[in-house]
């Protein structure tokens, strides 16, 4: 758990693994309104070790596991960052707020499936 302290917001970042369905969830909760702001679920085997941390300077939530590294942009601005991997390839990281325009209501959540 981490607390995001910004001049305009106070948010709690909670992450956990769920046994039997093999997901790693990151949930951002607005402390004042008790609303879920962001929710992100990713595949992660229950047996696999994973650790995460919040980079306060960039508002990125970084998770490290045997499968590699994951980066979630938790900024409320529509930011795009370019990141270079160990093979020299460039990738773009979009903030989770960039999908907010798809919500019908701020309390709704969006489910993308592949």
PDB file of N, CA and C in Angstrom:
ATOM      1  N   UNK A   1       0.840  -1.177   0.000  1.00  0.00           N
ATOM      2  CA  UNK A   1       0.000   0.000   0.000  1.00  0.00           C
ATOM      3  C   UNK A   1       0.887   1.244   0.000  1.00  0.00           C
ATOM      4  N   UNK A   2       0.445   2.213  -0.767  1.00  0.00           N
ATOM      5  CA  UNK A   2       1.126   3.501  -0.828  1.00  0.00           C
ATOM      6  C   UNK A   2       0.071   4.597  -0.814  1.00  0.00           C
ATOM      7  N   UNK A   3       0.452   5.767  -0.378  1.00  0.00           N
ATOM      8  CA  UNK A   3      -0.446   6.919  -0.396  1.00  0.00           C
ATOM      9  C   UNK A   3       0.120   7.937  -1.367  1.00  0.00           C
ATOM     10  N   UNK A   4      -0.699   8.322  -2.355  1.00  0.00           N
ATOM     11  CA  UNK A   4      -0.328   9.371  -3.303  1.00  0.00           C
ATOM     12  C   UNK A   4      -0.743  10.698  -2.696  1.00  0.00           C
ATOM     13  N   UNK A   5       0.224  11.554  -2.448  1.00  0.00           N
ATOM     14  CA  UNK A   5      -0.089  12.872  -1.903  1.00  0.00           C
ATOM     15  C   UNK A   5       0.267  13.902  -2.957  1.00  0.00           C
ATOM     16  N   UNK A   6      -0.744  14.486  -3.545  1.00  0.00           N
ATOM     17  CA  UNK A   6      -0.585  15.508  -4.555  1.00  0.00           C
ATOM     18  C   UNK A   6      -1.275  16.752  -4.025  1.00  0.00           C
ATOM     19  N   UNK A   7      -1.066  17.894  -4.652  1.00  0.00           N
ATOM     20  CA  UNK A   7      -1.713  19.103  -4.141  1.00  0.00           C
ATOM     21  C   UNK A   7      -3.228  19.046  -4.285  1.00  0.00           C
ATOM     22  N   UNK A   8      -3.741  18.276  -5.243  1.00  0.00           N
ATOM     23  CA  UNK A   8      -5.186  18.221  -5.469  1.00  0.00           C
ATOM     24  C   UNK A   8      -5.822  16.900  -5.047  1.00  0.00           C
ATOM     25  N   UNK A   9      -5.048  15.925  -4.610  1.00  0.00           N
ATOM     26  CA  UNK A   9      -5.641  14.625  -4.335  1.00  0.00           C
ATOM     27  C   UNK A   9      -4.903  13.880  -3.239  1.00  0.00           C
ATOM     28  N   UNK A  10      -5.646  12.994  -2.592  1.00  0.00           N
ATOM     29  CA  UNK A  10      -5.110  12.064  -1.617  1.00  0.00           C
ATOM     30  C   UNK A  10      -5.653  10.698  -2.004  1.00  0.00           C
ATOM     31  N   UNK A  11      -4.771   9.818  -2.456  1.00  0.00           N
ATOM     32  CA  UNK A  11      -5.222   8.524  -2.951  1.00  0.00           C
ATOM     33  C   UNK A  11      -4.401   7.410  -2.338  1.00  0.00           C
ATOM     34  N   UNK A  12      -5.064   6.285  -2.148  1.00  0.00           N
ATOM     35  CA  UNK A  12      -4.439   5.089  -1.611  1.00  0.00           C
ATOM     36  C   UNK A  12      -4.239   4.109  -2.765  1.00  0.00           C
ATOM     37  N   UNK A  13      -3.021   3.597  -2.917  1.00  0.00           N
ATOM     38  CA  UNK A  13      -2.708   2.615  -3.958  1.00  0.00           C
ATOM     39  C   UNK A  13      -2.526   1.271  -3.269  1.00  0.00           C
ATOM     40  N   UNK A  14      -3.369   0.305  -3.640  1.00  0.00           N
ATOM     41  CA  UNK A  14      -3.338  -1.022  -3.031  1.00  0.00           C
ATOM     42  C   UNK A  14      -3.092  -2.037  -4.135  1.00  0.00           C
ATOM     43  N   UNK A  15      -2.189  -2.985  -3.886  1.00  0.00           N
ATOM     44  CA  UNK A  15      -1.967  -4.051  -4.867  1.00  0.00           C
ATOM     45  C   UNK A  15      -1.987  -5.394  -4.140  1.00  0.00           C
ATOM     46  N   UNK A  16      -2.472  -6.420  -4.850  1.00  0.00           N
ATOM     47  CA  UNK A  16      -2.550  -7.753  -4.260  1.00  0.00           C
ATOM     48  C   UNK A  16      -2.660  -8.804  -5.346  1.00  0.00           C
ATOM     49  N   UNK A  17      -2.286 -10.040  -4.977  1.00  0.00           N
ATOM     50  CA  UNK A  17      -2.453 -11.190  -5.870  1.00  0.00           C
ATOM     51  C   UNK A  17      -3.660 -11.978  -5.397  1.00  0.00           C
ATOM     52  N   UNK A  18      -4.353 -12.598  -6.345  1.00  0.00           N
ATOM     53  CA  UNK A  18      -5.525 -13.406  -6.019  1.00  0.00           C
ATOM     54  C   UNK A  18      -5.229 -14.861  -6.373  1.00  0.00           C
ATOM     55  N   UNK A  19      -5.396 -15.725  -5.395  1.00  0.00           N
ATOM     56  CA  UNK A  19      -5.121 -17.140  -5.585  1.00  0.00           C
ATOM     57  C   UNK A  19      -6.206 -17.768  -6.463  1.00  0.00           C
ATOM     58  N   UNK A  20      -5.862 -18.771  -7.216  1.00  0.00           N
ATOM     59  CA  UNK A  20      -6.720 -19.572  -8.101  1.00  0.00           C
ATOM     60  C   UNK A  20      -7.118 -18.864  -9.403  1.00  0.00           C
ATOM     61  N   UNK A  21      -7.212 -17.539  -9.434  1.00  0.00           N
ATOM     62  CA  UNK A  21      -7.522 -16.902 -10.717  1.00  0.00           C
ATOM     63  C   UNK A  21      -6.299 -16.202 -11.305  1.00  0.00           C
ATOM     64  N   UNK A  22      -5.171 -16.242 -10.584  1.00  0.00           N
ATOM     65  CA  UNK A  22      -3.873 -15.798 -11.091  1.00  0.00           C
ATOM     66  C   UNK A  22      -3.880 -14.372 -11.627  1.00  0.00           C
ATOM     67  N   UNK A  23      -4.349 -13.444 -10.828  1.00  0.00           N
ATOM     68  CA  UNK A  23      -4.307 -12.042 -11.226  1.00  0.00           C
ATOM     69  C   UNK A  23      -3.557 -11.228 -10.182  1.00  0.00           C
ATOM     70  N   UNK A  24      -2.926 -10.178 -10.666  1.00  0.00           N
ATOM     71  CA  UNK A  24      -2.287  -9.189  -9.805  1.00  0.00           C
ATOM     72  C   UNK A  24      -3.053  -7.898 -10.030  1.00  0.00           C
ATOM     73  N   UNK A  25      -3.655  -7.371  -8.985  1.00  0.00           N
ATOM     74  CA  UNK A  25      -4.524  -6.194  -9.102  1.00  0.00           C
ATOM     75  C   UNK A  25      -3.870  -4.986  -8.454  1.00  0.00           C
ATOM     76  N   UNK A  26      -4.016  -3.855  -9.122  1.00  0.00           N
ATOM     77  CA  UNK A  26      -3.606  -2.563  -8.577  1.00  0.00           C
ATOM     78  C   UNK A  26      -4.856  -1.689  -8.559  1.00  0.00           C
ATOM     79  N   UNK A  27      -5.210  -1.199  -7.380  1.00  0.00           N
ATOM     80  CA  UNK A  27      -6.417  -0.393  -7.212  1.00  0.00           C
ATOM     81  C   UNK A  27      -6.020   0.938  -6.595  1.00  0.00           C
ATOM     82  N   UNK A  28      -6.498   2.033  -7.193  1.00  0.00           N
ATOM     83  CA  UNK A  28      -6.263   3.373  -6.661  1.00  0.00           C
ATOM     84  C   UNK A  28      -7.590   3.885  -6.123  1.00  0.00           C
ATOM     85  N   UNK A  29      -7.609   4.234  -4.833  1.00  0.00           N
ATOM     86  CA  UNK A  29      -8.840   4.659  -4.160  1.00  0.00           C
ATOM     87  C   UNK A  29      -8.676   6.101  -3.691  1.00  0.00           C
ATOM     88  N   UNK A  30      -9.665   6.923  -3.999  1.00  0.00           N
ATOM     89  CA  UNK A  30      -9.688   8.298  -3.500  1.00  0.00           C
ATOM     90  C   UNK A  30     -10.054   8.248  -2.020  1.00  0.00           C
ATOM     91  N   UNK A  31      -9.179   8.720  -1.158  1.00  0.00           N
ATOM     92  CA  UNK A  31      -9.392   8.621   0.290  1.00  0.00           C
ATOM     93  C   UNK A  31     -10.556   9.494   0.742  1.00  0.00           C
ATOM     94  N   UNK A  32     -10.700  10.684   0.166  1.00  0.00           N
ATOM     95  CA  UNK A  32     -11.750  11.604   0.604  1.00  0.00           C
ATOM     96  C   UNK A  32     -13.142  11.131   0.205  1.00  0.00           C
ATOM     97  N   UNK A  33     -13.296  10.672  -1.052  1.00  0.00           N
ATOM     98  CA  UNK A  33     -14.613  10.264  -1.552  1.00  0.00           C
ATOM     99  C   UNK A  33     -14.880   8.775  -1.411  1.00  0.00           C
ATOM    100  N   UNK A  34     -13.843   8.005  -1.078  1.00  0.00           N
ATOM    101  CA  UNK A  34     -13.923   6.552  -0.999  1.00  0.00           C
ATOM    102  C   UNK A  34     -14.369   5.928  -2.327  1.00  0.00           C
ATOM    103  N   UNK A  35     -13.951   6.526  -3.424  1.00  0.00           N
ATOM    104  CA  UNK A  35     -14.246   6.019  -4.766  1.00  0.00           C
ATOM    105  C   UNK A  35     -13.027   5.317  -5.333  1.00  0.00           C
ATOM    106  N   UNK A  36     -13.255   4.292  -6.140  1.00  0.00           N
ATOM    107  CA  UNK A  36     -12.173   3.644  -6.869  1.00  0.00           C
ATOM    108  C   UNK A  36     -11.906   4.473  -8.118  1.00  0.00           C
ATOM    109  N   UNK A  37     -10.698   4.992  -8.222  1.00  0.00           N
ATOM    110  CA  UNK A  37     -10.331   5.853  -9.347  1.00  0.00           C
ATOM    111  C   UNK A  37      -9.829   5.018 -10.514  1.00  0.00           C
ATOM    112  N   UNK A  38      -8.891   4.114 -10.249  1.00  0.00           N
ATOM    113  CA  UNK A  38      -8.335   3.231 -11.262  1.00  0.00           C
ATOM    114  C   UNK A  38      -8.317   1.812 -10.719  1.00  0.00           C
ATOM    115  N   UNK A  39      -8.448   0.859 -11.619  1.00  0.00           N
ATOM    116  CA  UNK A  39      -8.254  -0.542 -11.269  1.00  0.00           C
ATOM    117  C   UNK A  39      -7.569  -1.203 -12.458  1.00  0.00           C
ATOM    118  N   UNK A  40      -6.507  -1.925 -12.176  1.00  0.00           N
ATOM    119  CA  UNK A  40      -5.768  -2.604 -13.231  1.00  0.00           C
ATOM    120  C   UNK A  40      -5.498  -4.033 -12.792  1.00  0.00           C
ATOM    121  N   UNK A  41      -5.900  -4.999 -13.600  1.00  0.00           N
ATOM    122  CA  UNK A  41      -5.655  -6.413 -13.330  1.00  0.00           C
ATOM    123  C   UNK A  41      -4.729  -6.964 -14.403  1.00  0.00           C
ATOM    124  N   UNK A  42      -3.743  -7.725 -13.993  1.00  0.00           N
ATOM    125  CA  UNK A  42      -2.850  -8.362 -14.954  1.00  0.00           C
ATOM    126  C   UNK A  42      -2.618  -9.807 -14.544  1.00  0.00           C
ATOM    127  N   UNK A  43      -2.216 -10.624 -15.498  1.00  0.00           N
ATOM    128  CA  UNK A  43      -1.969 -12.043 -15.239  1.00  0.00           C
ATOM    129  C   UNK A  43      -0.695 -12.197 -14.441  1.00  0.00           C
ATOM    130  N   UNK A  44      -0.753 -13.004 -13.396  1.00  0.00           N
ATOM    131  CA  UNK A  44       0.420 -13.344 -12.617  1.00  0.00           C
ATOM    132  C   UNK A  44       0.118 -14.615 -11.857  1.00  0.00           C
ATOM    133  N   UNK A  45       0.903 -15.648 -12.079  1.00  0.00           N
ATOM    134  CA  UNK A  45       0.684 -16.906 -11.374  1.00  0.00           C
ATOM    135  C   UNK A  45       0.827 -16.704  -9.872  1.00  0.00           C
ATOM    136  N   UNK A  46      -0.009 -17.396  -9.119  1.00  0.00           N
ATOM    137  CA  UNK A  46       0.015 -17.280  -7.664  1.00  0.00           C
ATOM    138  C   UNK A  46       1.393 -17.642  -7.108  1.00  0.00           C
ATOM    139  N   UNK A  47       2.052 -18.619  -7.718  1.00  0.00           N
ATOM    140  CA  UNK A  47       3.339 -19.093  -7.221  1.00  0.00           C
ATOM    141  C   UNK A  47       4.483 -18.133  -7.541  1.00  0.00           C
ATOM    142  N   UNK A  48       4.283 -17.244  -8.494  1.00  0.00           N
ATOM    143  CA  UNK A  48       5.336 -16.342  -8.945  1.00  0.00           C
ATOM    144  C   UNK A  48       5.523 -15.192  -7.961  1.00  0.00           C
ATOM    145  N   UNK A  49       6.757 -14.921  -7.618  1.00  0.00           N
ATOM    146  CA  UNK A  49       7.051 -13.799  -6.728  1.00  0.00           C
ATOM    147  C   UNK A  49       6.929 -12.494  -7.516  1.00  0.00           C
ATOM    148  N   UNK A  50       6.373 -11.499  -6.865  1.00  0.00           N
ATOM    149  CA  UNK A  50       6.235 -10.185  -7.480  1.00  0.00           C
ATOM    150  C   UNK A  50       6.391  -9.136  -6.394  1.00  0.00           C
ATOM    151  N   UNK A  51       7.009  -8.022  -6.748  1.00  0.00           N
ATOM    152  CA  UNK A  51       7.110  -6.897  -5.823  1.00  0.00           C
ATOM    153  C   UNK A  51       6.853  -5.618  -6.606  1.00  0.00           C
ATOM    154  N   UNK A  52       6.326  -4.629  -5.917  1.00  0.00           N
ATOM    155  CA  UNK A  52       5.969  -3.376  -6.572  1.00  0.00           C
ATOM    156  C   UNK A  52       6.377  -2.202  -5.711  1.00  0.00           C
ATOM    157  N   UNK A  53       6.526  -1.064  -6.380  1.00  0.00           N
ATOM    158  CA  UNK A  53       6.810   0.171  -5.657  1.00  0.00           C
ATOM    159  C   UNK A  53       6.271   1.349  -6.455  1.00  0.00           C
ATOM    160  N   UNK A  54       6.063   2.447  -5.774  1.00  0.00           N
ATOM    161  CA  UNK A  54       5.561   3.667  -6.385  1.00  0.00           C
ATOM    162  C   UNK A  54       6.716   4.640  -6.538  1.00  0.00           C
ATOM    163  N   UNK A  55       6.929   5.127  -7.754  1.00  0.00           N
ATOM    164  CA  UNK A  55       7.929   6.157  -8.009  1.00  0.00           C
ATOM    165  C   UNK A  55       7.226   7.502  -7.827  1.00  0.00           C
ATOM    166  N   UNK A  56       7.473   8.158  -6.701  1.00  0.00           N
ATOM    167  CA  UNK A  56       6.791   9.420  -6.390  1.00  0.00           C
ATOM    168  C   UNK A  56       7.103  10.530  -7.384  1.00  0.00           C
ATOM    169  N   UNK A  57       8.309  10.537  -7.937  1.00  0.00           N
ATOM    170  CA  UNK A  57       8.715  11.611  -8.841  1.00  0.00           C
ATOM    171  C   UNK A  57       7.938  11.579 -10.155  1.00  0.00           C
ATOM    172  N   UNK A  58       7.670  10.381 -10.683  1.00  0.00           N
ATOM    173  CA  UNK A  58       6.996  10.267 -11.979  1.00  0.00           C
ATOM    174  C   UNK A  58       5.571   9.755 -11.874  1.00  0.00           C
ATOM    175  N   UNK A  59       5.122   9.383 -10.662  1.00  0.00           N
ATOM    176  CA  UNK A  59       3.804   8.794 -10.423  1.00  0.00           C
ATOM    177  C   UNK A  59       3.601   7.518 -11.239  1.00  0.00           C
ATOM    178  N   UNK A  60       4.666   6.734 -11.337  1.00  0.00           N
ATOM    179  CA  UNK A  60       4.602   5.435 -11.999  1.00  0.00           C
ATOM    180  C   UNK A  60       4.591   4.348 -10.935  1.00  0.00           C
ATOM    181  N   UNK A  61       3.763   3.329 -11.150  1.00  0.00           N
ATOM    182  CA  UNK A  61       3.717   2.173 -10.261  1.00  0.00           C
ATOM    183  C   UNK A  61       4.427   1.045 -10.989  1.00  0.00           C
ATOM    184  N   UNK A  62       5.552   0.603 -10.459  1.00  0.00           N
ATOM    185  CA  UNK A  62       6.419  -0.356 -11.129  1.00  0.00           C
ATOM    186  C   UNK A  62       6.319  -1.701 -10.416  1.00  0.00           C
ATOM    187  N   UNK A  63       6.066  -2.763 -11.183  1.00  0.00           N
ATOM    188  CA  UNK A  63       6.028  -4.109 -10.616  1.00  0.00           C
ATOM    189  C   UNK A  63       7.123  -4.953 -11.274  1.00  0.00           C
ATOM    190  N   UNK A  64       7.803  -5.738 -10.451  1.00  0.00           N
ATOM    191  CA  UNK A  64       8.902  -6.582 -10.910  1.00  0.00           C
ATOM    192  C   UNK A  64       8.598  -8.029 -10.563  1.00  0.00           C
ATOM    193  N   UNK A  65       8.716  -8.909 -11.549  1.00  0.00           N
ATOM    194  CA  UNK A  65       8.493 -10.333 -11.321  1.00  0.00           C
ATOM    195  C   UNK A  65       9.455 -11.128 -12.198  1.00  0.00           C
ATOM    196  N   UNK A  66       9.323 -12.447 -12.144  1.00  0.00           N
ATOM    197  CA  UNK A  66      10.163 -13.303 -12.976  1.00  0.00           C
ATOM    198  C   UNK A  66       9.876 -13.091 -14.460  1.00  0.00           C
ATOM    199  N   UNK A  67       8.667 -12.658 -14.779  1.00  0.00           N
ATOM    200  CA  UNK A  67       8.280 -12.426 -16.180  1.00  0.00           C
ATOM    201  C   UNK A  67       8.807 -11.112 -16.719  1.00  0.00           C
ATOM    202  N   UNK A  68       9.245 -10.212 -15.840  1.00  0.00           N
ATOM    203  CA  UNK A  68       9.761  -8.931 -16.297  1.00  0.00           C
ATOM    204  C   UNK A  68       9.236  -7.784 -15.452  1.00  0.00           C
ATOM    205  N   UNK A  69       9.153  -6.624 -16.073  1.00  0.00           N
ATOM    206  CA  UNK A  69       8.765  -5.406 -15.378  1.00  0.00           C
ATOM    207  C   UNK A  69       7.499  -4.835 -16.002  1.00  0.00           C
ATOM    208  N   UNK A  70       6.618  -4.314 -15.170  1.00  0.00           N
ATOM    209  CA  UNK A  70       5.419  -3.636 -15.643  1.00  0.00           C
ATOM    210  C   UNK A  70       5.382  -2.227 -15.092  1.00  0.00           C
ATOM    211  N   UNK A  71       4.928  -1.282 -15.901  1.00  0.00           N
ATOM    212  CA  UNK A  71       4.856   0.118 -15.478  1.00  0.00           C
ATOM    213  C   UNK A  71       3.444   0.623 -15.720  1.00  0.00           C
ATOM    214  N   UNK A  72       2.827   1.177 -14.665  1.00  0.00           N
ATOM    215  CA  UNK A  72       1.511   1.806 -14.770  1.00  0.00           C
ATOM    216  C   UNK A  72       1.664   3.291 -14.495  1.00  0.00           C
ATOM    217  N   UNK A  73       1.197   4.116 -15.404  1.00  0.00           N
ATOM    218  CA  UNK A  73       1.221   5.561 -15.205  1.00  0.00           C
ATOM    219  C   UNK A  73       0.001   5.982 -14.402  1.00  0.00           C
ATOM    220  N   UNK A  74       0.179   6.435 -13.177  1.00  0.00           N
ATOM    221  CA  UNK A  74      -0.939   6.806 -12.309  1.00  0.00           C
ATOM    222  C   UNK A  74      -1.229   8.299 -12.316  1.00  0.00           C
ATOM    223  N   UNK A  75      -0.618   9.029 -13.203  1.00  0.00           N
ATOM    224  CA  UNK A  75      -0.855  10.466 -13.281  1.00  0.00           C
ATOM    225  C   UNK A  75      -2.280  10.756 -13.717  1.00  0.00           C
ATOM    226  N   UNK A  76      -2.853  11.844 -13.223  1.00  0.00           N
ATOM    227  CA  UNK A  76      -4.205  12.233 -13.634  1.00  0.00           C
ATOM    228  C   UNK A  76      -4.186  12.998 -14.950  1.00  0.00           C
ATOM    229  N   UNK A  77      -3.020  13.341 -15.434  1.00  0.00           N
ATOM    230  CA  UNK A  77      -2.903  14.033 -16.721  1.00  0.00           C
ATOM    231  C   UNK A  77      -2.765  13.005 -17.836  1.00  0.00           C
ATOM    232  N   UNK A  78      -3.113  13.390 -19.056  1.00  0.00           N
ATOM    233  CA  UNK A  78      -3.008  12.481 -20.198  1.00  0.00           C
ATOM    234  C   UNK A  78      -1.571  12.511 -20.704  1.00  0.00           C
ATOM    235  N   UNK A  79      -0.726  11.768 -20.027  1.00  0.00           N
ATOM    236  CA  UNK A  79       0.695  11.767 -20.351  1.00  0.00           C
ATOM    237  C   UNK A  79       1.076  10.534 -21.144  1.00  0.00           C
ATOM    238  N   UNK A  80       2.058  10.700 -21.999  1.00  0.00           N
ATOM    239  CA  UNK A  80       2.673   9.592 -22.715  1.00  0.00           C
ATOM    240  C   UNK A  80       4.173   9.682 -22.484  1.00  0.00           C
ATOM    241  N   UNK A  81       4.762   8.596 -22.017  1.00  0.00           N
ATOM    242  CA  UNK A  81       6.197   8.565 -21.777  1.00  0.00           C
ATOM    243  C   UNK A  81       6.824   7.525 -22.685  1.00  0.00           C
ATOM    244  N   UNK A  82       8.028   7.802 -23.097  1.00  0.00           N
ATOM    245  CA  UNK A  82       8.758   6.845 -23.912  1.00  0.00           C
ATOM    246  C   UNK A  82       9.786   6.149 -23.020  1.00  0.00           C
ATOM    247  N   UNK A  83       9.820   4.812 -23.108  1.00  0.00           N
ATOM    248  CA  UNK A  83      10.710   3.992 -22.290  1.00  0.00           C
ATOM    249  C   UNK A  83      11.472   3.053 -23.213  1.00  0.00           C
ATOM    250  N   UNK A  84      12.761   2.928 -22.976  1.00  0.00           N
ATOM    251  CA  UNK A  84      13.581   2.019 -23.778  1.00  0.00           C
ATOM    252  C   UNK A  84      13.837   0.748 -22.976  1.00  0.00           C
ATOM    253  N   UNK A  85      13.613  -0.426 -23.594  1.00  0.00           N
ATOM    254  CA  UNK A  85      13.841  -1.689 -22.892  1.00  0.00           C
ATOM    255  C   UNK A  85      15.294  -2.134 -23.052  1.00  0.00           C
ATOM    256  N   UNK A  86      15.619  -3.289 -22.475  1.00  0.00           N
ATOM    257  CA  UNK A  86      17.002  -3.767 -22.496  1.00  0.00           C
ATOM    258  C   UNK A  86      17.479  -4.178 -23.880  1.00  0.00           C
ATOM    259  N   UNK A  87      16.550  -4.362 -24.828  1.00  0.00           N
ATOM    260  CA  UNK A  87      16.926  -4.705 -26.207  1.00  0.00           C
ATOM    261  C   UNK A  87      17.044  -3.455 -27.088  1.00  0.00           C
ATOM    262  N   UNK A  88      16.829  -2.284 -26.500  1.00  0.00           N
ATOM    263  CA  UNK A  88      16.944  -1.032 -27.244  1.00  0.00           C
ATOM    264  C   UNK A  88      15.663  -0.590 -27.928  1.00  0.00           C
ATOM    265  N   UNK A  89      14.572  -1.335 -27.749  1.00  0.00           N
ATOM    266  CA  UNK A  89      13.295  -0.959 -28.372  1.00  0.00           C
ATOM    267  C   UNK A  89      12.576   0.084 -27.524  1.00  0.00           C
ATOM    268  N   UNK A  90      11.939   1.034 -28.195  1.00  0.00           N
ATOM    269  CA  UNK A  90      11.200   2.079 -27.511  1.00  0.00           C
ATOM    270  C   UNK A  90       9.739   1.650 -27.333  1.00  0.00           C
ATOM    271  N   UNK A  91       9.175   1.957 -26.174  1.00  0.00           N
ATOM    272  CA  UNK A  91       7.773   1.671 -25.865  1.00  0.00           C
ATOM    273  C   UNK A  91       7.142   2.932 -25.307  1.00  0.00           C
ATOM    274  N   UNK A  92       5.828   3.045 -25.454  1.00  0.00           N
ATOM    275  CA  UNK A  92       5.113   4.181 -24.884  1.00  0.00           C
ATOM    276  C   UNK A  92       4.281   3.718 -23.706  1.00  0.00           C
ATOM    277  N   UNK A  93       4.326   4.497 -22.639  1.00  0.00           N
ATOM    278  CA  UNK A  93       3.522   4.243 -21.451  1.00  0.00           C
ATOM    279  C   UNK A  93       2.501   5.370 -21.367  1.00  0.00           C
ATOM    280  N   UNK A  94       1.216   5.002 -21.423  1.00  0.00           N
ATOM    281  CA  UNK A  94       0.139   5.983 -21.306  1.00  0.00           C
ATOM    282  C   UNK A  94      -0.391   5.952 -19.890  1.00  0.00           C
ATOM    283  N   UNK A  95      -0.760   7.107 -19.372  1.00  0.00           N
ATOM    284  CA  UNK A  95      -1.331   7.138 -18.028  1.00  0.00           C
ATOM    285  C   UNK A  95      -2.715   6.493 -18.048  1.00  0.00           C
ATOM    286  N   UNK A  96      -3.116   5.900 -16.916  1.00  0.00           N
ATOM    287  CA  UNK A  96      -4.436   5.278 -16.841  1.00  0.00           C
ATOM    288  C   UNK A  96      -5.546   6.305 -17.028  1.00  0.00           C
ATOM    289  N   UNK A  97      -5.273   7.562 -16.714  1.00  0.00           N
ATOM    290  CA  UNK A  97      -6.274   8.610 -16.891  1.00  0.00           C
ATOM    291  C   UNK A  97      -6.580   8.869 -18.364  1.00  0.00           C
ATOM    292  N   UNK A  98      -5.738   8.396 -19.268  1.00  0.00           N
ATOM    293  CA  UNK A  98      -5.979   8.615 -20.693  1.00  0.00           C
ATOM    294  C   UNK A  98      -7.209   7.866 -21.191  1.00  0.00           C
ATOM    295  N   UNK A  99      -7.715   6.901 -20.414  1.00  0.00           N
ATOM    296  CA  UNK A  99      -8.925   6.162 -20.784  1.00  0.00           C
ATOM    297  C   UNK A  99     -10.177   6.703 -20.099  1.00  0.00           C
ATOM    298  N   UNK A 100     -10.046   7.755 -19.313  1.00  0.00           N
ATOM    299  CA  UNK A 100     -11.196   8.283 -18.575  1.00  0.00           C
ATOM    300  C   UNK A 100     -12.328   8.754 -19.486  1.00  0.00           C
ATOM    301  N   UNK A 101     -12.010   9.194 -20.689  1.00  0.00           N
ATOM    302  CA  UNK A 101     -13.050   9.688 -21.578  1.00  0.00           C
ATOM    303  C   UNK A 101     -14.026   8.578 -21.981  1.00  0.00           C
ATOM    304  N   UNK A 102     -13.642   7.317 -21.793  1.00  0.00           N
ATOM    305  CA  UNK A 102     -14.524   6.202 -22.118  1.00  0.00           C
ATOM    306  C   UNK A 102     -15.564   5.935 -21.035  1.00  0.00           C
ATOM    307  N   UNK A 103     -15.381   6.514 -19.861  1.00  0.00           N
ATOM    308  CA  UNK A 103     -16.305   6.276 -18.761  1.00  0.00           C
ATOM    309  C   UNK A 103     -17.575   7.094 -18.936  1.00  0.00           C
ATOM    310  N   UNK A 104     -18.723   6.475 -18.671  1.00  0.00           N
ATOM    311  CA  UNK A 104     -19.988   7.193 -18.701  1.00  0.00           C
ATOM    312  C   UNK A 104     -20.185   7.989 -17.421  1.00  0.00           C
ATOM    313  N   UNK A 105     -19.581   7.496 -16.362  1.00  0.00           N
ATOM    314  CA  UNK A 105     -19.706   8.104 -15.054  1.00  0.00           C
ATOM    315  C   UNK A 105     -18.350   7.926 -14.374  1.00  0.00           C
ATOM    316  N   UNK A 106     -17.884   8.888 -13.582  1.00  0.00           N
ATOM    317  CA  UNK A 106     -16.568   8.739 -12.940  1.00  0.00           C
ATOM    318  C   UNK A 106     -16.440   7.496 -12.063  1.00  0.00           C
ATOM    319  N   UNK A 107     -17.550   6.925 -11.604  1.00  0.00           N
ATOM    320  CA  UNK A 107     -17.489   5.733 -10.774  1.00  0.00           C
ATOM    321  C   UNK A 107     -17.491   4.444 -11.587  1.00  0.00           C
ATOM    322  N   UNK A 108     -17.681   4.537 -12.892  1.00  0.00           N
ATOM    323  CA  UNK A 108     -17.679   3.340 -13.750  1.00  0.00           C
ATOM    324  C   UNK A 108     -16.254   2.862 -13.968  1.00  0.00           C
ATOM    325  N   UNK A 109     -16.132   1.599 -14.319  1.00  0.00           N
ATOM    326  CA  UNK A 109     -14.827   1.033 -14.656  1.00  0.00           C
ATOM    327  C   UNK A 109     -14.919   0.410 -16.039  1.00  0.00           C
ATOM    328  N   UNK A 110     -13.787   0.331 -16.702  1.00  0.00           N
ATOM    329  CA  UNK A 110     -13.721  -0.175 -18.060  1.00  0.00           C
ATOM    330  C   UNK A 110     -13.004  -1.518 -18.024  1.00  0.00           C
ATOM    331  N   UNK A 111     -13.579  -2.517 -18.693  1.00  0.00           N
ATOM    332  CA  UNK A 111     -12.941  -3.833 -18.765  1.00  0.00           C
ATOM    333  C   UNK A 111     -12.530  -4.086 -20.207  1.00  0.00           C
ATOM    334  N   UNK A 112     -11.220  -4.242 -20.412  1.00  0.00           N
ATOM    335  CA  UNK A 112     -10.703  -4.605 -21.718  1.00  0.00           C
ATOM    336  C   UNK A 112     -10.319  -6.079 -21.660  1.00  0.00           C
ATOM    337  N   UNK A 113     -10.706  -6.847 -22.632  1.00  0.00           N
ATOM    338  CA  UNK A 113     -10.321  -8.252 -22.653  1.00  0.00           C
ATOM    339  C   UNK A 113      -9.702  -8.589 -23.998  1.00  0.00           C
ATOM    340  N   UNK A 114      -8.806  -9.558 -23.977  1.00  0.00           N
ATOM    341  CA  UNK A 114      -8.116  -9.961 -25.204  1.00  0.00           C
ATOM    342  C   UNK A 114      -8.593 -11.348 -25.609  1.00  0.00           C
TER     343      UNK A 114
END
